[in-house]
Amino acid sequence: MNILDPQGPIGAAEKTILIDSVAIMLAIVLPTIVAIFAFAFWFRQSNTRAQYRPDWAYSGRIELVVWSIPALTVLLLGGVAWIGSHQLDPAAPVAGTGSPVRIQVVSLDWKWLFIYPDQGIATVNTLTVPAGAALRFELTSGSVMNAFFVPQLGSMIYTMNGMVTHLELRADNEGNYQGLSAHFSGDGFPDMSFDVHVISPLSFPDWVAKTARSDRVLNADSYRQLAQQSLATTQPTYRLDDPGLFDAIATQKISPAPGPKLTTEGAQSYLGASDVR
């Protein structure tokens, strides 16, 4: 999950903004650190050449330096962040090879559901995409607010119940990467991660055909079972029986989960901490 090793154009652009921002900030930080040591050395007690001016009160030149350099730095840093962030609008289309892949994402307690409506399949805690293709994500939450993030692809984005957010990404290189939840959502939050498999465009139809032969079927009933609070110890795949399932979740036609509840282990830990206090 190394953000400094991007595997797509969005991640690469965000890395550039990060490095540029750090470099601009260091333009003030490093000279300030050097000046601290230089002043301490020059105005040491043993330095007879240092001038002692007890009546000194003001210097326009010093004020100009003290205020102009930080002001210019803030303007430059703000400009980089403003322009870069607007160019990386999460919903802005990303060019890719072949047909775009539409993926509907539902965050649950504590697992991720990925629905491929055009392919008629769904997966839990594993995301498989073809290299080079534009990835069009539609995201919502079946419970509390969460955040979807694949560090090497870029653009963390929130998932919220009752609404849909949009995210455009692209993965350029084949390989296995990691995604995670970036917003605390209860006891199972630390384990709420998912695998990202980027495969060749020629292998993607074979993977879809294999997944479509799954014995599990995803519909409103099986979704309600899946949405119950639990940690996914496996990565099941499904045949999508209801193409409108995501819309039903996003519009709350399927009632949202009540949210994380305190587990037995969590309750015992909390009571133990209370006893200590």
Protein backbone atom coordinates (compact mmCIF):
# COMPACT_ATOMS: atom_id res chain seq x y z
CA MET A 1 0.00 0.00 0.00
CA ASN A 2 2.88 2.33 -0.85
CA ILE A 3 1.48 5.67 -2.05
CA LEU A 4 4.94 6.50 -3.42
CA ASP A 5 4.70 3.53 -5.80
CA PRO A 6 1.59 4.45 -7.83
CA GLN A 7 0.16 1.99 -10.33
CA GLY A 8 -2.16 4.31 -12.23
CA PRO A 9 -2.44 7.89 -13.54
CA ILE A 10 -4.45 9.19 -10.58
CA GLY A 11 -2.03 7.77 -8.03
CA ALA A 12 0.91 9.16 -10.02
CA ALA A 13 -0.63 12.65 -10.15
CA GLU A 14 -1.33 12.58 -6.40
CA LYS A 15 2.26 11.52 -5.74
CA THR A 16 3.44 14.54 -7.75
CA ILE A 17 1.24 16.88 -5.71
CA LEU A 18 2.52 15.33 -2.47
CA ILE A 19 6.20 15.66 -3.44
CA ASP A 20 5.73 19.21 -4.77
CA SER A 21 3.92 20.25 -1.57
CA VAL A 22 6.63 18.80 0.66
CA ALA A 23 9.35 20.51 -1.42
CA ILE A 24 7.59 23.88 -1.18
CA MET A 25 7.18 23.54 2.59
CA LEU A 26 10.83 22.53 2.97
CA ALA A 27 11.77 25.77 1.23
CA ILE A 28 10.74 27.49 4.48
CA VAL A 29 11.46 24.76 7.01
CA LEU A 30 15.08 24.09 6.03
CA PRO A 31 16.24 27.74 5.95
CA THR A 32 14.48 28.32 9.27
CA ILE A 33 16.31 25.40 10.87
CA VAL A 34 19.62 26.62 9.46
CA ALA A 35 18.90 30.16 10.69
CA ILE A 36 18.20 28.91 14.24
CA PHE A 37 21.62 27.30 14.50
CA ALA A 38 23.32 30.23 12.71
CA PHE A 39 21.82 32.80 15.10
CA ALA A 40 22.63 30.66 18.11
CA PHE A 41 26.23 30.31 16.94
CA TRP A 42 26.73 33.97 15.98
CA PHE A 43 25.18 35.46 19.11
CA ARG A 44 26.95 33.15 21.51
CA GLN A 45 28.45 34.86 24.54
CA SER A 46 32.05 34.27 23.46
CA ASN A 47 31.62 35.98 20.07
CA THR A 48 32.94 39.52 20.56
CA ARG A 49 32.03 40.52 16.99
CA ALA A 50 28.31 40.10 17.62
CA GLN A 51 26.67 43.47 18.17
CA TYR A 52 24.49 43.96 21.24
CA ARG A 53 21.66 46.44 20.54
CA PRO A 54 19.41 46.79 23.62
CA ASP A 55 17.51 49.73 22.10
CA TRP A 56 16.74 48.04 18.74
CA ALA A 57 12.99 47.86 18.07
CA TYR A 58 12.12 47.62 14.35
CA SER A 59 13.52 46.84 10.91
CA GLY A 60 11.44 47.22 7.78
CA ARG A 61 13.79 44.96 5.83
CA ILE A 62 13.45 42.16 8.36
CA GLU A 63 9.66 42.56 8.39
CA LEU A 64 9.65 42.33 4.58
CA VAL A 65 11.60 39.06 4.64
CA VAL A 66 9.66 37.62 7.58
CA TRP A 67 6.26 38.19 5.95
CA SER A 68 6.90 38.03 2.20
CA ILE A 69 8.58 34.63 2.04
CA PRO A 70 5.85 32.78 4.02
CA ALA A 71 3.15 34.64 2.08
CA LEU A 72 4.67 33.61 -1.25
CA THR A 73 5.05 30.05 0.00
CA VAL A 74 1.39 29.85 1.07
CA LEU A 75 0.28 31.25 -2.31
CA LEU A 76 2.44 28.76 -4.20
CA LEU A 77 1.39 25.83 -2.01
CA GLY A 78 -2.27 26.82 -2.26
CA GLY A 79 -2.00 27.12 -6.03
CA VAL A 80 -0.47 23.67 -6.39
CA ALA A 81 -3.13 22.11 -4.17
CA TRP A 82 -6.02 24.01 -5.79
CA ILE A 83 -5.09 23.31 -9.40
CA GLY A 84 -4.00 19.73 -8.75
CA SER A 85 -7.07 18.78 -6.74
CA HIS A 86 -9.47 20.22 -9.32
CA GLN A 87 -7.72 18.36 -12.10
CA LEU A 88 -8.16 15.17 -10.06
CA ASP A 89 -11.92 15.47 -9.59
CA PRO A 90 -12.94 11.93 -8.51
CA ALA A 91 -15.85 11.90 -10.97
CA ALA A 92 -13.83 13.17 -13.96
CA PRO A 93 -13.59 10.49 -16.68
CA VAL A 94 -10.25 8.71 -17.00
CA ALA A 95 -9.16 7.52 -20.43
CA GLY A 96 -8.43 3.84 -20.81
CA THR A 97 -8.08 1.02 -23.29
CA GLY A 98 -11.01 -1.16 -24.21
CA SER A 99 -14.44 -0.88 -22.64
CA PRO A 100 -14.78 0.78 -19.24
CA VAL A 101 -15.60 -1.49 -16.30
CA ARG A 102 -18.47 -0.38 -14.07
CA ILE A 103 -18.18 -1.49 -10.46
CA GLN A 104 -20.71 -0.84 -7.70
CA VAL A 105 -19.21 -0.77 -4.20
CA VAL A 106 -21.09 -1.26 -0.93
CA SER A 107 -19.31 -0.86 2.42
CA LEU A 108 -20.70 -3.09 5.16
CA ASP A 109 -19.83 -4.03 8.75
CA TRP A 110 -17.03 -5.08 8.23
CA LYS A 111 -16.53 -6.09 4.65
CA TRP A 112 -16.64 -4.75 1.10
CA LEU A 113 -19.16 -5.90 -1.52
CA PHE A 114 -18.22 -5.36 -5.17
CA ILE A 115 -20.98 -5.71 -7.77
CA TYR A 116 -20.24 -5.94 -11.50
CA PRO A 117 -23.69 -5.13 -12.95
CA ASP A 118 -22.68 -5.48 -16.61
CA GLN A 119 -21.06 -8.87 -15.99
CA GLY A 120 -23.77 -10.15 -13.63
CA ILE A 121 -21.39 -11.11 -10.81
CA ALA A 122 -20.34 -9.91 -7.36
CA THR A 123 -17.44 -10.49 -4.97
CA VAL A 124 -16.66 -9.86 -1.31
CA ASN A 125 -13.32 -8.38 -0.18
CA THR A 126 -11.68 -8.98 -3.54
CA LEU A 127 -11.64 -6.63 -6.52
CA THR A 128 -10.51 -7.90 -9.92
CA VAL A 129 -10.04 -5.48 -12.82
CA PRO A 130 -8.34 -5.50 -16.24
CA ALA A 131 -5.14 -3.51 -16.66
CA GLY A 132 -5.48 -0.33 -18.67
CA ALA A 133 -9.27 -0.16 -18.60
CA ALA A 134 -11.15 2.83 -17.19
CA LEU A 135 -12.72 1.85 -13.85
CA ARG A 136 -16.00 3.58 -13.05
CA PHE A 137 -16.93 3.12 -9.42
CA GLU A 138 -20.34 3.86 -7.91
CA LEU A 139 -20.11 3.75 -4.14
CA THR A 140 -22.58 3.67 -1.27
CA SER A 141 -22.80 2.31 2.26
CA GLY A 142 -25.13 -0.35 3.59
CA SER A 143 -24.44 0.83 7.14
CA VAL A 144 -22.42 3.68 8.64
CA MET A 145 -20.21 6.09 6.69
CA ASN A 146 -16.94 4.63 5.49
CA ALA A 147 -14.09 5.46 3.10
CA PHE A 148 -12.83 3.48 0.10
CA PHE A 149 -9.11 3.70 -0.62
CA VAL A 150 -6.64 1.82 -2.82
CA PRO A 151 -3.40 3.72 -2.02
CA GLN A 152 -1.51 2.75 -5.16
CA LEU A 153 -4.41 3.76 -7.41
CA GLY A 154 -5.27 6.95 -5.53
CA SER A 155 -8.31 9.06 -4.57
CA MET A 156 -9.79 8.03 -1.25
CA ILE A 157 -13.54 8.66 -1.27
CA TYR A 158 -16.35 8.36 1.26
CA THR A 159 -19.26 5.94 1.09
CA MET A 160 -22.49 7.12 2.72
CA ASN A 161 -25.84 5.46 3.20
CA GLY A 162 -28.65 6.94 1.13
CA MET A 163 -26.37 8.47 -1.51
CA VAL A 164 -23.96 7.45 -4.27
CA THR A 165 -20.48 8.84 -4.82
CA HIS A 166 -18.52 8.37 -8.05
CA LEU A 167 -14.87 7.60 -8.58
CA GLU A 168 -12.86 7.10 -11.78
CA LEU A 169 -9.57 5.19 -11.62
CA ARG A 170 -7.27 3.14 -13.81
CA ALA A 171 -4.72 0.45 -12.99
CA ASP A 172 -1.89 0.35 -15.52
CA ASN A 173 0.19 -2.58 -14.32
CA GLU A 174 -0.79 -6.16 -13.62
CA GLY A 175 -0.25 -7.29 -10.06
CA ASN A 176 -1.78 -7.71 -6.63
CA TYR A 177 -2.45 -4.63 -4.51
CA GLN A 178 -4.31 -3.78 -1.33
CA GLY A 179 -7.34 -1.64 -0.56
CA LEU A 180 -8.66 -0.65 2.82
CA SER A 181 -11.25 1.18 4.84
CA ALA A 182 -9.91 4.61 5.77
CA HIS A 183 -12.68 5.63 8.19
CA PHE A 184 -13.20 4.10 11.63
CA SER A 185 -16.41 2.07 11.75
CA GLY A 186 -16.29 -0.12 14.83
CA ASP A 187 -14.50 -3.16 16.25
CA GLY A 188 -13.83 -4.84 12.89
CA PHE A 189 -12.41 -1.75 11.20
CA PRO A 190 -8.72 -2.86 11.36
CA ASP A 191 -9.53 -5.99 9.33
CA MET A 192 -11.79 -4.28 6.81
CA SER A 193 -9.40 -4.56 3.87
CA PHE A 194 -9.65 -6.11 0.42
CA ASP A 195 -7.38 -7.54 -2.27
CA VAL A 196 -7.05 -5.86 -5.65
CA HIS A 197 -6.08 -8.13 -8.54
CA VAL A 198 -5.11 -6.39 -11.76
CA ILE A 199 -5.07 -8.93 -14.58
CA SER A 200 -4.60 -8.74 -18.33
CA PRO A 201 -7.58 -7.63 -20.46
CA LEU A 202 -7.53 -11.02 -22.17
CA SER A 203 -7.83 -12.85 -18.85
CA PHE A 204 -10.68 -10.70 -17.52
CA PRO A 205 -13.48 -12.39 -19.57
CA ASP A 206 -12.24 -15.80 -18.39
CA TRP A 207 -12.35 -14.63 -14.77
CA VAL A 208 -15.90 -13.29 -15.29
CA ALA A 209 -17.05 -16.57 -16.82
CA LYS A 210 -15.52 -18.57 -13.95
CA THR A 211 -17.09 -16.32 -11.33
CA ALA A 212 -20.50 -16.51 -13.04
CA ARG A 213 -20.51 -20.27 -12.42
CA SER A 214 -20.58 -19.70 -8.65
CA ASP A 215 -23.17 -21.67 -6.68
CA ARG A 216 -23.99 -18.57 -4.60
CA VAL A 217 -26.65 -16.15 -5.80
CA LEU A 218 -26.80 -12.50 -4.73
CA ASN A 219 -30.26 -11.02 -4.31
CA ALA A 220 -32.10 -9.04 -1.64
CA ASP A 221 -32.36 -12.02 0.72
CA SER A 222 -28.72 -13.13 0.47
CA TYR A 223 -27.63 -9.50 0.72
CA ARG A 224 -29.43 -9.11 4.06
CA GLN A 225 -27.52 -12.10 5.37
CA LEU A 226 -24.25 -10.71 4.04
CA ALA A 227 -24.94 -7.28 5.55
CA GLN A 228 -25.06 -8.61 9.09
CA GLN A 229 -22.17 -7.49 11.28
CA SER A 230 -19.26 -9.89 10.84
CA LEU A 231 -15.71 -10.18 9.56
CA ALA A 232 -15.37 -11.98 6.24
CA THR A 233 -12.94 -14.87 6.74
CA THR A 234 -13.33 -15.92 3.08
CA GLN A 235 -13.80 -14.12 -0.23
CA PRO A 236 -17.04 -15.54 -1.66
CA THR A 237 -18.20 -14.85 -5.20
CA TYR A 238 -21.79 -14.60 -6.42
CA ARG A 239 -23.95 -14.68 -9.48
CA LEU A 240 -25.94 -11.45 -9.52
CA ASP A 241 -29.62 -12.37 -9.50
CA ASP A 242 -30.97 -8.82 -9.09
CA PRO A 243 -29.43 -6.16 -11.41
CA GLY A 244 -31.19 -3.42 -9.42
CA LEU A 245 -29.76 -4.49 -6.05
CA PHE A 246 -27.29 -1.61 -5.77
CA ASP A 247 -29.97 0.98 -6.52
CA ALA A 248 -32.23 -0.62 -3.90
CA ILE A 249 -29.42 -0.35 -1.32
CA ALA A 250 -28.53 3.24 -2.24
CA THR A 251 -32.16 4.43 -2.19
CA GLN A 252 -32.82 2.58 1.10
CA LYS A 253 -35.50 0.36 -0.43
CA ILE A 254 -33.47 -2.27 1.40
CA SER A 255 -33.23 -1.00 4.95
CA PRO A 256 -29.69 -0.09 6.04
CA ALA A 257 -27.95 -2.09 8.72
CA PRO A 258 -28.26 -0.63 12.25
CA GLY A 259 -24.51 -0.01 12.40
CA PRO A 260 -21.75 -1.60 14.49
CA LYS A 261 -22.74 -3.05 17.82
CA LEU A 262 -20.40 -3.72 20.72
CA THR A 263 -19.15 -7.30 20.49
CA THR A 264 -18.80 -9.57 23.52
CA GLU A 265 -15.02 -9.21 23.46
CA GLY A 266 -15.32 -5.45 23.08
CA ALA A 267 -17.77 -5.24 25.96
CA GLN A 268 -15.46 -7.23 28.23
CA SER A 269 -12.53 -4.97 27.31
CA TYR A 270 -14.61 -1.87 27.95
CA LEU A 271 -15.86 -3.15 31.32
CA GLY A 272 -12.29 -4.07 32.30
CA ALA A 273 -11.09 -0.56 31.43
CA SER A 274 -13.97 0.90 33.47
CA ASP A 275 -13.00 -1.19 36.47
CA VAL A 276 -9.44 0.10 36.23
CA ARG A 277 -10.68 3.70 36.20
